[in-house]
Amino acid sequence: IVDTLLLNMIPSIRDLEEVSSLKDV
């Protein structure tokens, strides 16, 4: 959860990581 929240704060990777991070959660 923390990793997903932190990564979503970086605009350049928000779209790339959103699906992957949500899968991890």
mmCIF file of all heavy atoms, coordinates in Angstrom:
data_MODEL
# 
_entry.id   MODEL 
# 
loop_
_atom_site.group_PDB 
_atom_site.id 
_atom_site.type_symbol 
_atom_site.label_atom_id 
_atom_site.label_alt_id 
_atom_site.label_comp_id 
_atom_site.label_asym_id 
_atom_site.label_entity_id 
_atom_site.label_seq_id 
_atom_site.pdbx_PDB_ins_code 
_atom_site.Cartn_x 
_atom_site.Cartn_y 
_atom_site.Cartn_z 
_atom_site.occupancy 
_atom_site.B_iso_or_equiv 
_atom_site.pdbx_formal_charge 
_atom_site.auth_seq_id 
_atom_site.auth_comp_id 
_atom_site.auth_asym_id 
_atom_site.auth_atom_id 
_atom_site.pdbx_PDB_model_num 
ATOM 1   N N   . ILE A 1 1  ? 0.841  -1.205 0.000   1.00 0.00 ? 1  ILE A N   1 
ATOM 2   C CA  . ILE A 1 1  ? 0.000  0.000  0.000   1.00 0.00 ? 1  ILE A CA  1 
ATOM 3   C C   . ILE A 1 1  ? 0.872  1.250  0.000   1.00 0.00 ? 1  ILE A C   1 
ATOM 4   O O   . ILE A 1 1  ? 0.655  2.175  -0.793  1.00 0.00 ? 1  ILE A O   1 
ATOM 5   C CB  . ILE A 1 1  ? -0.965 -0.017 1.208   1.00 0.00 ? 1  ILE A CB  1 
ATOM 6   C CG1 . ILE A 1 1  ? -2.016 -1.112 1.017   1.00 0.00 ? 1  ILE A CG1 1 
ATOM 7   C CG2 . ILE A 1 1  ? -1.625 1.355  1.393   1.00 0.00 ? 1  ILE A CG2 1 
ATOM 8   C CD1 . ILE A 1 1  ? -2.857 -1.391 2.250   1.00 0.00 ? 1  ILE A CD1 1 
ATOM 9   N N   . VAL A 1 2  ? 1.871  1.302  0.877   1.00 0.00 ? 2  VAL A N   1 
ATOM 10  C CA  . VAL A 1 2  ? 2.765  2.468  0.956   1.00 0.00 ? 2  VAL A CA  1 
ATOM 11  C C   . VAL A 1 2  ? 3.501  2.664  -0.364  1.00 0.00 ? 2  VAL A C   1 
ATOM 12  O O   . VAL A 1 2  ? 3.590  3.785  -0.879  1.00 0.00 ? 2  VAL A O   1 
ATOM 13  C CB  . VAL A 1 2  ? 3.755  2.329  2.133   1.00 0.00 ? 2  VAL A CB  1 
ATOM 14  C CG1 . VAL A 1 2  ? 4.860  3.365  2.060   1.00 0.00 ? 2  VAL A CG1 1 
ATOM 15  C CG2 . VAL A 1 2  ? 3.021  2.423  3.462   1.00 0.00 ? 2  VAL A CG2 1 
ATOM 16  N N   . ASP A 1 3  ? 4.017  1.582  -0.921  1.00 0.00 ? 3  ASP A N   1 
ATOM 17  C CA  . ASP A 1 3  ? 4.751  1.662  -2.181  1.00 0.00 ? 3  ASP A CA  1 
ATOM 18  C C   . ASP A 1 3  ? 3.851  2.192  -3.302  1.00 0.00 ? 3  ASP A C   1 
ATOM 19  O O   . ASP A 1 3  ? 4.260  3.042  -4.095  1.00 0.00 ? 3  ASP A O   1 
ATOM 20  C CB  . ASP A 1 3  ? 5.315  0.285  -2.542  1.00 0.00 ? 3  ASP A CB  1 
ATOM 21  C CG  . ASP A 1 3  ? 6.400  0.351  -3.590  1.00 0.00 ? 3  ASP A CG  1 
ATOM 22  O OD1 . ASP A 1 3  ? 7.259  1.246  -3.505  1.00 0.00 ? 3  ASP A OD1 1 
ATOM 23  O OD2 . ASP A 1 3  ? 6.387  -0.505 -4.493  1.00 0.00 ? 3  ASP A OD2 1 
ATOM 24  N N   . THR A 1 4  ? 2.624  1.702  -3.362  1.00 0.00 ? 4  THR A N   1 
ATOM 25  C CA  . THR A 1 4  ? 1.676  2.166  -4.371  1.00 0.00 ? 4  THR A CA  1 
ATOM 26  C C   . THR A 1 4  ? 1.384  3.654  -4.196  1.00 0.00 ? 4  THR A C   1 
ATOM 27  O O   . THR A 1 4  ? 1.374  4.411  -5.180  1.00 0.00 ? 4  THR A O   1 
ATOM 28  C CB  . THR A 1 4  ? 0.366  1.358  -4.289  1.00 0.00 ? 4  THR A CB  1 
ATOM 29  O OG1 . THR A 1 4  ? 0.669  -0.012 -4.548  1.00 0.00 ? 4  THR A OG1 1 
ATOM 30  C CG2 . THR A 1 4  ? -0.652 1.844  -5.295  1.00 0.00 ? 4  THR A CG2 1 
ATOM 31  N N   . LEU A 1 5  ? 1.157  4.076  -2.968  1.00 0.00 ? 5  LEU A N   1 
ATOM 32  C CA  . LEU A 1 5  ? 0.886  5.491  -2.717  1.00 0.00 ? 5  LEU A CA  1 
ATOM 33  C C   . LEU A 1 5  ? 2.068  6.370  -3.103  1.00 0.00 ? 5  LEU A C   1 
ATOM 34  O O   . LEU A 1 5  ? 1.900  7.417  -3.741  1.00 0.00 ? 5  LEU A O   1 
ATOM 35  C CB  . LEU A 1 5  ? 0.520  5.718  -1.249  1.00 0.00 ? 5  LEU A CB  1 
ATOM 36  C CG  . LEU A 1 5  ? -0.818 5.122  -0.796  1.00 0.00 ? 5  LEU A CG  1 
ATOM 37  C CD1 . LEU A 1 5  ? -0.981 5.270  0.713   1.00 0.00 ? 5  LEU A CD1 1 
ATOM 38  C CD2 . LEU A 1 5  ? -1.972 5.771  -1.539  1.00 0.00 ? 5  LEU A CD2 1 
ATOM 39  N N   . LEU A 1 6  ? 3.275  5.942  -2.735  1.00 0.00 ? 6  LEU A N   1 
ATOM 40  C CA  . LEU A 1 6  ? 4.461  6.727  -3.065  1.00 0.00 ? 6  LEU A CA  1 
ATOM 41  C C   . LEU A 1 6  ? 4.692  6.799  -4.572  1.00 0.00 ? 6  LEU A C   1 
ATOM 42  O O   . LEU A 1 6  ? 4.975  7.867  -5.117  1.00 0.00 ? 6  LEU A O   1 
ATOM 43  C CB  . LEU A 1 6  ? 5.704  6.152  -2.381  1.00 0.00 ? 6  LEU A CB  1 
ATOM 44  C CG  . LEU A 1 6  ? 5.792  6.337  -0.866  1.00 0.00 ? 6  LEU A CG  1 
ATOM 45  C CD1 . LEU A 1 6  ? 6.993  5.585  -0.313  1.00 0.00 ? 6  LEU A CD1 1 
ATOM 46  C CD2 . LEU A 1 6  ? 5.866  7.808  -0.510  1.00 0.00 ? 6  LEU A CD2 1 
ATOM 47  N N   . LEU A 1 7  ? 4.573  5.658  -5.252  1.00 0.00 ? 7  LEU A N   1 
ATOM 48  C CA  . LEU A 1 7  ? 4.801  5.646  -6.692  1.00 0.00 ? 7  LEU A CA  1 
ATOM 49  C C   . LEU A 1 7  ? 3.754  6.480  -7.439  1.00 0.00 ? 7  LEU A C   1 
ATOM 50  O O   . LEU A 1 7  ? 4.067  7.104  -8.453  1.00 0.00 ? 7  LEU A O   1 
ATOM 51  C CB  . LEU A 1 7  ? 4.825  4.210  -7.224  1.00 0.00 ? 7  LEU A CB  1 
ATOM 52  C CG  . LEU A 1 7  ? 6.050  3.399  -6.840  1.00 0.00 ? 7  LEU A CG  1 
ATOM 53  C CD1 . LEU A 1 7  ? 5.885  1.948  -7.276  1.00 0.00 ? 7  LEU A CD1 1 
ATOM 54  C CD2 . LEU A 1 7  ? 7.316  3.997  -7.423  1.00 0.00 ? 7  LEU A CD2 1 
ATOM 55  N N   . ASN A 1 8  ? 2.546  6.493  -6.935  1.00 0.00 ? 8  ASN A N   1 
ATOM 56  C CA  . ASN A 1 8  ? 1.498  7.288  -7.582  1.00 0.00 ? 8  ASN A CA  1 
ATOM 57  C C   . ASN A 1 8  ? 1.692  8.785  -7.378  1.00 0.00 ? 8  ASN A C   1 
ATOM 58  O O   . ASN A 1 8  ? 1.009  9.583  -8.015  1.00 0.00 ? 8  ASN A O   1 
ATOM 59  C CB  . ASN A 1 8  ? 0.114  6.855  -7.113  1.00 0.00 ? 8  ASN A CB  1 
ATOM 60  C CG  . ASN A 1 8  ? -0.328 5.582  -7.803  1.00 0.00 ? 8  ASN A CG  1 
ATOM 61  O OD1 . ASN A 1 8  ? -0.084 5.406  -8.986  1.00 0.00 ? 8  ASN A OD1 1 
ATOM 62  N ND2 . ASN A 1 8  ? -0.963 4.701  -7.077  1.00 0.00 ? 8  ASN A ND2 1 
ATOM 63  N N   . MET A 1 9  ? 2.607  9.185  -6.538  1.00 0.00 ? 9  MET A N   1 
ATOM 64  C CA  . MET A 1 9  ? 2.916  10.609 -6.348  1.00 0.00 ? 9  MET A CA  1 
ATOM 65  C C   . MET A 1 9  ? 3.899  11.117 -7.400  1.00 0.00 ? 9  MET A C   1 
ATOM 66  O O   . MET A 1 9  ? 4.110  12.316 -7.512  1.00 0.00 ? 9  MET A O   1 
ATOM 67  C CB  . MET A 1 9  ? 3.481  10.845 -4.950  1.00 0.00 ? 9  MET A CB  1 
ATOM 68  C CG  . MET A 1 9  ? 2.493  10.592 -3.856  1.00 0.00 ? 9  MET A CG  1 
ATOM 69  S SD  . MET A 1 9  ? 3.321  10.773 -2.268  1.00 0.00 ? 9  MET A SD  1 
ATOM 70  C CE  . MET A 1 9  ? 2.027  11.549 -1.339  1.00 0.00 ? 9  MET A CE  1 
ATOM 71  N N   . ILE A 1 10 ? 4.505  10.215 -8.150  1.00 0.00 ? 10 ILE A N   1 
ATOM 72  C CA  . ILE A 1 10 ? 5.449  10.602 -9.204  1.00 0.00 ? 10 ILE A CA  1 
ATOM 73  C C   . ILE A 1 10 ? 4.699  10.554 -10.528 1.00 0.00 ? 10 ILE A C   1 
ATOM 74  O O   . ILE A 1 10 ? 4.378  9.470  -11.030 1.00 0.00 ? 10 ILE A O   1 
ATOM 75  C CB  . ILE A 1 10 ? 6.683  9.676  -9.223  1.00 0.00 ? 10 ILE A CB  1 
ATOM 76  C CG1 . ILE A 1 10 ? 7.397  9.726  -7.869  1.00 0.00 ? 10 ILE A CG1 1 
ATOM 77  C CG2 . ILE A 1 10 ? 7.619  10.061 -10.358 1.00 0.00 ? 10 ILE A CG2 1 
ATOM 78  C CD1 . ILE A 1 10 ? 8.553  8.778  -7.739  1.00 0.00 ? 10 ILE A CD1 1 
ATOM 79  N N   . PRO A 1 11 ? 4.404  11.724 -11.101 1.00 0.00 ? 11 PRO A N   1 
ATOM 80  C CA  . PRO A 1 11 ? 3.574  11.771 -12.316 1.00 0.00 ? 11 PRO A CA  1 
ATOM 81  C C   . PRO A 1 11 ? 4.111  10.949 -13.487 1.00 0.00 ? 11 PRO A C   1 
ATOM 82  O O   . PRO A 1 11 ? 3.338  10.312 -14.195 1.00 0.00 ? 11 PRO A O   1 
ATOM 83  C CB  . PRO A 1 11 ? 3.547  13.262 -12.676 1.00 0.00 ? 11 PRO A CB  1 
ATOM 84  C CG  . PRO A 1 11 ? 3.882  13.972 -11.419 1.00 0.00 ? 11 PRO A CG  1 
ATOM 85  C CD  . PRO A 1 11 ? 4.769  13.048 -10.631 1.00 0.00 ? 11 PRO A CD  1 
ATOM 86  N N   . SER A 1 12 ? 5.422  10.909 -13.683 1.00 0.00 ? 12 SER A N   1 
ATOM 87  C CA  . SER A 1 12 ? 5.977  10.218 -14.847 1.00 0.00 ? 12 SER A CA  1 
ATOM 88  C C   . SER A 1 12 ? 5.776  8.713  -14.818 1.00 0.00 ? 12 SER A C   1 
ATOM 89  O O   . SER A 1 12 ? 5.826  8.062  -15.853 1.00 0.00 ? 12 SER A O   1 
ATOM 90  C CB  . SER A 1 12 ? 7.461  10.543 -15.005 1.00 0.00 ? 12 SER A CB  1 
ATOM 91  O OG  . SER A 1 12 ? 8.179  10.045 -13.900 1.00 0.00 ? 12 SER A OG  1 
ATOM 92  N N   . ILE A 1 13 ? 5.538  8.139  -13.650 1.00 0.00 ? 13 ILE A N   1 
ATOM 93  C CA  . ILE A 1 13 ? 5.323  6.689  -13.590 1.00 0.00 ? 13 ILE A CA  1 
ATOM 94  C C   . ILE A 1 13 ? 3.943  6.310  -13.092 1.00 0.00 ? 13 ILE A C   1 
ATOM 95  O O   . ILE A 1 13 ? 3.616  5.134  -13.047 1.00 0.00 ? 13 ILE A O   1 
ATOM 96  C CB  . ILE A 1 13 ? 6.394  5.993  -12.728 1.00 0.00 ? 13 ILE A CB  1 
ATOM 97  C CG1 . ILE A 1 13 ? 6.324  6.462  -11.304 1.00 0.00 ? 13 ILE A CG1 1 
ATOM 98  C CG2 . ILE A 1 13 ? 7.750  6.135  -13.322 1.00 0.00 ? 13 ILE A CG2 1 
ATOM 99  C CD1 . ILE A 1 13 ? 7.118  5.588  -10.375 1.00 0.00 ? 13 ILE A CD1 1 
ATOM 100 N N   . ARG A 1 14 ? 3.135  7.282  -12.753 1.00 0.00 ? 14 ARG A N   1 
ATOM 101 C CA  . ARG A 1 14 ? 1.794  7.003  -12.211 1.00 0.00 ? 14 ARG A CA  1 
ATOM 102 C C   . ARG A 1 14 ? 1.007  6.086  -13.139 1.00 0.00 ? 14 ARG A C   1 
ATOM 103 O O   . ARG A 1 14 ? 0.465  5.071  -12.712 1.00 0.00 ? 14 ARG A O   1 
ATOM 104 C CB  . ARG A 1 14 ? 1.037  8.300  -11.986 1.00 0.00 ? 14 ARG A CB  1 
ATOM 105 C CG  . ARG A 1 14 ? -0.327 8.087  -11.356 1.00 0.00 ? 14 ARG A CG  1 
ATOM 106 C CD  . ARG A 1 14 ? -1.058 9.379  -11.113 1.00 0.00 ? 14 ARG A CD  1 
ATOM 107 N NE  . ARG A 1 14 ? -0.259 10.248 -10.272 1.00 0.00 ? 14 ARG A NE  1 
ATOM 108 C CZ  . ARG A 1 14 ? -0.076 11.544 -10.495 1.00 0.00 ? 14 ARG A CZ  1 
ATOM 109 N NH1 . ARG A 1 14 ? -0.641 12.137 -11.521 1.00 0.00 ? 14 ARG A NH1 1 
ATOM 110 N NH2 . ARG A 1 14 ? 0.669  12.267 -9.684  1.00 0.00 ? 14 ARG A NH2 1 
ATOM 111 N N   . ASP A 1 15 ? 0.940  6.411  -14.414 1.00 0.00 ? 15 ASP A N   1 
ATOM 112 C CA  . ASP A 1 15 ? 0.156  5.611  -15.349 1.00 0.00 ? 15 ASP A CA  1 
ATOM 113 C C   . ASP A 1 15 ? 0.785  4.245  -15.612 1.00 0.00 ? 15 ASP A C   1 
ATOM 114 O O   . ASP A 1 15 ? 0.083  3.258  -15.774 1.00 0.00 ? 15 ASP A O   1 
ATOM 115 C CB  . ASP A 1 15 ? -0.005 6.360  -16.667 1.00 0.00 ? 15 ASP A CB  1 
ATOM 116 C CG  . ASP A 1 15 ? -0.788 7.650  -16.487 1.00 0.00 ? 15 ASP A CG  1 
ATOM 117 O OD1 . ASP A 1 15 ? -1.623 7.693  -15.565 1.00 0.00 ? 15 ASP A OD1 1 
ATOM 118 O OD2 . ASP A 1 15 ? -0.554 8.593  -17.260 1.00 0.00 ? 15 ASP A OD2 1 
ATOM 119 N N   . LEU A 1 16 ? 2.096  4.192  -15.638 1.00 0.00 ? 16 LEU A N   1 
ATOM 120 C CA  . LEU A 1 16 ? 2.772  2.924  -15.905 1.00 0.00 ? 16 LEU A CA  1 
ATOM 121 C C   . LEU A 1 16 ? 2.636  1.941  -14.752 1.00 0.00 ? 16 LEU A C   1 
ATOM 122 O O   . LEU A 1 16 ? 2.468  0.749  -14.949 1.00 0.00 ? 16 LEU A O   1 
ATOM 123 C CB  . LEU A 1 16 ? 4.261  3.168  -16.174 1.00 0.00 ? 16 LEU A CB  1 
ATOM 124 C CG  . LEU A 1 16 ? 4.613  4.062  -17.351 1.00 0.00 ? 16 LEU A CG  1 
ATOM 125 C CD1 . LEU A 1 16 ? 6.109  4.321  -17.369 1.00 0.00 ? 16 LEU A CD1 1 
ATOM 126 C CD2 . LEU A 1 16 ? 4.169  3.412  -18.642 1.00 0.00 ? 16 LEU A CD2 1 
ATOM 127 N N   . GLU A 1 17 ? 2.746  2.442  -13.534 1.00 0.00 ? 17 GLU A N   1 
ATOM 128 C CA  . GLU A 1 17 ? 2.797  1.575  -12.353 1.00 0.00 ? 17 GLU A CA  1 
ATOM 129 C C   . GLU A 1 17 ? 1.435  1.295  -11.728 1.00 0.00 ? 17 GLU A C   1 
ATOM 130 O O   . GLU A 1 17 ? 1.317  0.401  -10.927 1.00 0.00 ? 17 GLU A O   1 
ATOM 131 C CB  . GLU A 1 17 ? 3.701  2.201  -11.285 1.00 0.00 ? 17 GLU A CB  1 
ATOM 132 C CG  . GLU A 1 17 ? 5.162  2.152  -11.629 1.00 0.00 ? 17 GLU A CG  1 
ATOM 133 C CD  . GLU A 1 17 ? 5.707  0.737  -11.629 1.00 0.00 ? 17 GLU A CD  1 
ATOM 134 O OE1 . GLU A 1 17 ? 5.316  -0.072 -10.773 1.00 0.00 ? 17 GLU A OE1 1 
ATOM 135 O OE2 . GLU A 1 17 ? 6.507  0.434  -12.510 1.00 0.00 ? 17 GLU A OE2 1 
ATOM 136 N N   . GLU A 1 18 ? 0.418  2.047  -12.072 1.00 0.00 ? 18 GLU A N   1 
ATOM 137 C CA  . GLU A 1 18 ? -0.857 1.938  -11.375 1.00 0.00 ? 18 GLU A CA  1 
ATOM 138 C C   . GLU A 1 18 ? -1.404 0.515  -11.395 1.00 0.00 ? 18 GLU A C   1 
ATOM 139 O O   . GLU A 1 18 ? -1.763 -0.035 -10.371 1.00 0.00 ? 18 GLU A O   1 
ATOM 140 C CB  . GLU A 1 18 ? -1.872 2.895  -11.996 1.00 0.00 ? 18 GLU A CB  1 
ATOM 141 C CG  . GLU A 1 18 ? -3.133 3.026  -11.180 1.00 0.00 ? 18 GLU A CG  1 
ATOM 142 C CD  . GLU A 1 18 ? -4.009 4.128  -11.720 1.00 0.00 ? 18 GLU A CD  1 
ATOM 143 O OE1 . GLU A 1 18 ? -3.516 5.227  -11.968 1.00 0.00 ? 18 GLU A OE1 1 
ATOM 144 O OE2 . GLU A 1 18 ? -5.198 3.857  -11.890 1.00 0.00 ? 18 GLU A OE2 1 
ATOM 145 N N   . VAL A 1 19 ? -1.467 -0.104 -12.556 1.00 0.00 ? 19 VAL A N   1 
ATOM 146 C CA  . VAL A 1 19 ? -2.022 -1.445 -12.658 1.00 0.00 ? 19 VAL A CA  1 
ATOM 147 C C   . VAL A 1 19 ? -1.147 -2.450 -11.924 1.00 0.00 ? 19 VAL A C   1 
ATOM 148 O O   . VAL A 1 19 ? -1.637 -3.272 -11.158 1.00 0.00 ? 19 VAL A O   1 
ATOM 149 C CB  . VAL A 1 19 ? -2.191 -1.835 -14.146 1.00 0.00 ? 19 VAL A CB  1 
ATOM 150 C CG1 . VAL A 1 19 ? -2.646 -3.267 -14.278 1.00 0.00 ? 19 VAL A CG1 1 
ATOM 151 C CG2 . VAL A 1 19 ? -3.178 -0.898 -14.812 1.00 0.00 ? 19 VAL A CG2 1 
ATOM 152 N N   . SER A 1 20 ? 0.162  -2.373 -12.105 1.00 0.00 ? 20 SER A N   1 
ATOM 153 C CA  . SER A 1 20 ? 1.084  -3.296 -11.454 1.00 0.00 ? 20 SER A CA  1 
ATOM 154 C C   . SER A 1 20 ? 1.019  -3.151 -9.939  1.00 0.00 ? 20 SER A C   1 
ATOM 155 O O   . SER A 1 20 ? 0.981  -4.146 -9.222  1.00 0.00 ? 20 SER A O   1 
ATOM 156 C CB  . SER A 1 20 ? 2.502  -3.034 -11.953 1.00 0.00 ? 20 SER A CB  1 
ATOM 157 O OG  . SER A 1 20 ? 3.420  -3.801 -11.223 1.00 0.00 ? 20 SER A OG  1 
ATOM 158 N N   . SER A 1 21 ? 1.015  -1.921 -9.453  1.00 0.00 ? 21 SER A N   1 
ATOM 159 C CA  . SER A 1 21 ? 0.978  -1.687 -8.012  1.00 0.00 ? 21 SER A CA  1 
ATOM 160 C C   . SER A 1 21 ? -0.335 -2.168 -7.409  1.00 0.00 ? 21 SER A C   1 
ATOM 161 O O   . SER A 1 21 ? -0.348 -2.744 -6.323  1.00 0.00 ? 21 SER A O   1 
ATOM 162 C CB  . SER A 1 21 ? 1.168  -0.204 -7.715  1.00 0.00 ? 21 SER A CB  1 
ATOM 163 O OG  . SER A 1 21 ? 2.440  0.211  -8.134  1.00 0.00 ? 21 SER A OG  1 
ATOM 164 N N   . LEU A 1 22 ? -1.434 -1.941 -8.119  1.00 0.00 ? 22 LEU A N   1 
ATOM 165 C CA  . LEU A 1 22 ? -2.723 -2.409 -7.614  1.00 0.00 ? 22 LEU A CA  1 
ATOM 166 C C   . LEU A 1 22 ? -2.779 -3.930 -7.587  1.00 0.00 ? 22 LEU A C   1 
ATOM 167 O O   . LEU A 1 22 ? -3.381 -4.513 -6.688  1.00 0.00 ? 22 LEU A O   1 
ATOM 168 C CB  . LEU A 1 22 ? -3.864 -1.826 -8.439  1.00 0.00 ? 22 LEU A CB  1 
ATOM 169 C CG  . LEU A 1 22 ? -4.089 -0.326 -8.258  1.00 0.00 ? 22 LEU A CG  1 
ATOM 170 C CD1 . LEU A 1 22 ? -5.205 0.164  -9.170  1.00 0.00 ? 22 LEU A CD1 1 
ATOM 171 C CD2 . LEU A 1 22 ? -4.381 0.017  -6.810  1.00 0.00 ? 22 LEU A CD2 1 
ATOM 172 N N   . LYS A 1 23 ? -2.130 -4.588 -8.540  1.00 0.00 ? 23 LYS A N   1 
ATOM 173 C CA  . LYS A 1 23 ? -2.053 -6.048 -8.513  1.00 0.00 ? 23 LYS A CA  1 
ATOM 174 C C   . LYS A 1 23 ? -1.292 -6.513 -7.281  1.00 0.00 ? 23 LYS A C   1 
ATOM 175 O O   . LYS A 1 23 ? -1.671 -7.494 -6.649  1.00 0.00 ? 23 LYS A O   1 
ATOM 176 C CB  . LYS A 1 23 ? -1.352 -6.574 -9.771  1.00 0.00 ? 23 LYS A CB  1 
ATOM 177 C CG  . LYS A 1 23 ? -2.195 -6.628 -10.997 1.00 0.00 ? 23 LYS A CG  1 
ATOM 178 C CD  . LYS A 1 23 ? -1.386 -7.313 -12.092 1.00 0.00 ? 23 LYS A CD  1 
ATOM 179 C CE  . LYS A 1 23 ? -1.855 -6.891 -13.460 1.00 0.00 ? 23 LYS A CE  1 
ATOM 180 N NZ  . LYS A 1 23 ? -1.017 -7.454 -14.519 1.00 0.00 ? 23 LYS A NZ  1 
ATOM 181 N N   . ASP A 1 24 ? -0.208 -5.825 -6.946  1.00 0.00 ? 24 ASP A N   1 
ATOM 182 C CA  . ASP A 1 24 ? 0.574  -6.182 -5.761  1.00 0.00 ? 24 ASP A CA  1 
ATOM 183 C C   . ASP A 1 24 ? -0.260 -6.032 -4.491  1.00 0.00 ? 24 ASP A C   1 
ATOM 184 O O   . ASP A 1 24 ? -0.211 -6.884 -3.604  1.00 0.00 ? 24 ASP A O   1 
ATOM 185 C CB  . ASP A 1 24 ? 1.835  -5.325 -5.662  1.00 0.00 ? 24 ASP A CB  1 
ATOM 186 C CG  . ASP A 1 24 ? 2.836  -5.628 -6.762  1.00 0.00 ? 24 ASP A CG  1 
ATOM 187 O OD1 . ASP A 1 24 ? 2.745  -6.708 -7.387  1.00 0.00 ? 24 ASP A OD1 1 
ATOM 188 O OD2 . ASP A 1 24 ? 3.719  -4.779 -7.000  1.00 0.00 ? 24 ASP A OD2 1 
ATOM 189 N N   . VAL A 1 25 ? -1.022 -4.949 -4.407  1.00 0.00 ? 25 VAL A N   1 
ATOM 190 C CA  . VAL A 1 25 ? -1.884 -4.733 -3.236  1.00 0.00 ? 25 VAL A CA  1 
ATOM 191 C C   . VAL A 1 25 ? -2.952 -5.820 -3.180  1.00 0.00 ? 25 VAL A C   1 
ATOM 192 O O   . VAL A 1 25 ? -3.189 -6.414 -2.119  1.00 0.00 ? 25 VAL A O   1 
ATOM 193 C CB  . VAL A 1 25 ? -2.523 -3.322 -3.251  1.00 0.00 ? 25 VAL A CB  1 
ATOM 194 C CG1 . VAL A 1 25 ? -3.562 -3.182 -2.156  1.00 0.00 ? 25 VAL A CG1 1 
ATOM 195 C CG2 . VAL A 1 25 ? -1.447 -2.252 -3.098  1.00 0.00 ? 25 VAL A CG2 1 
# 
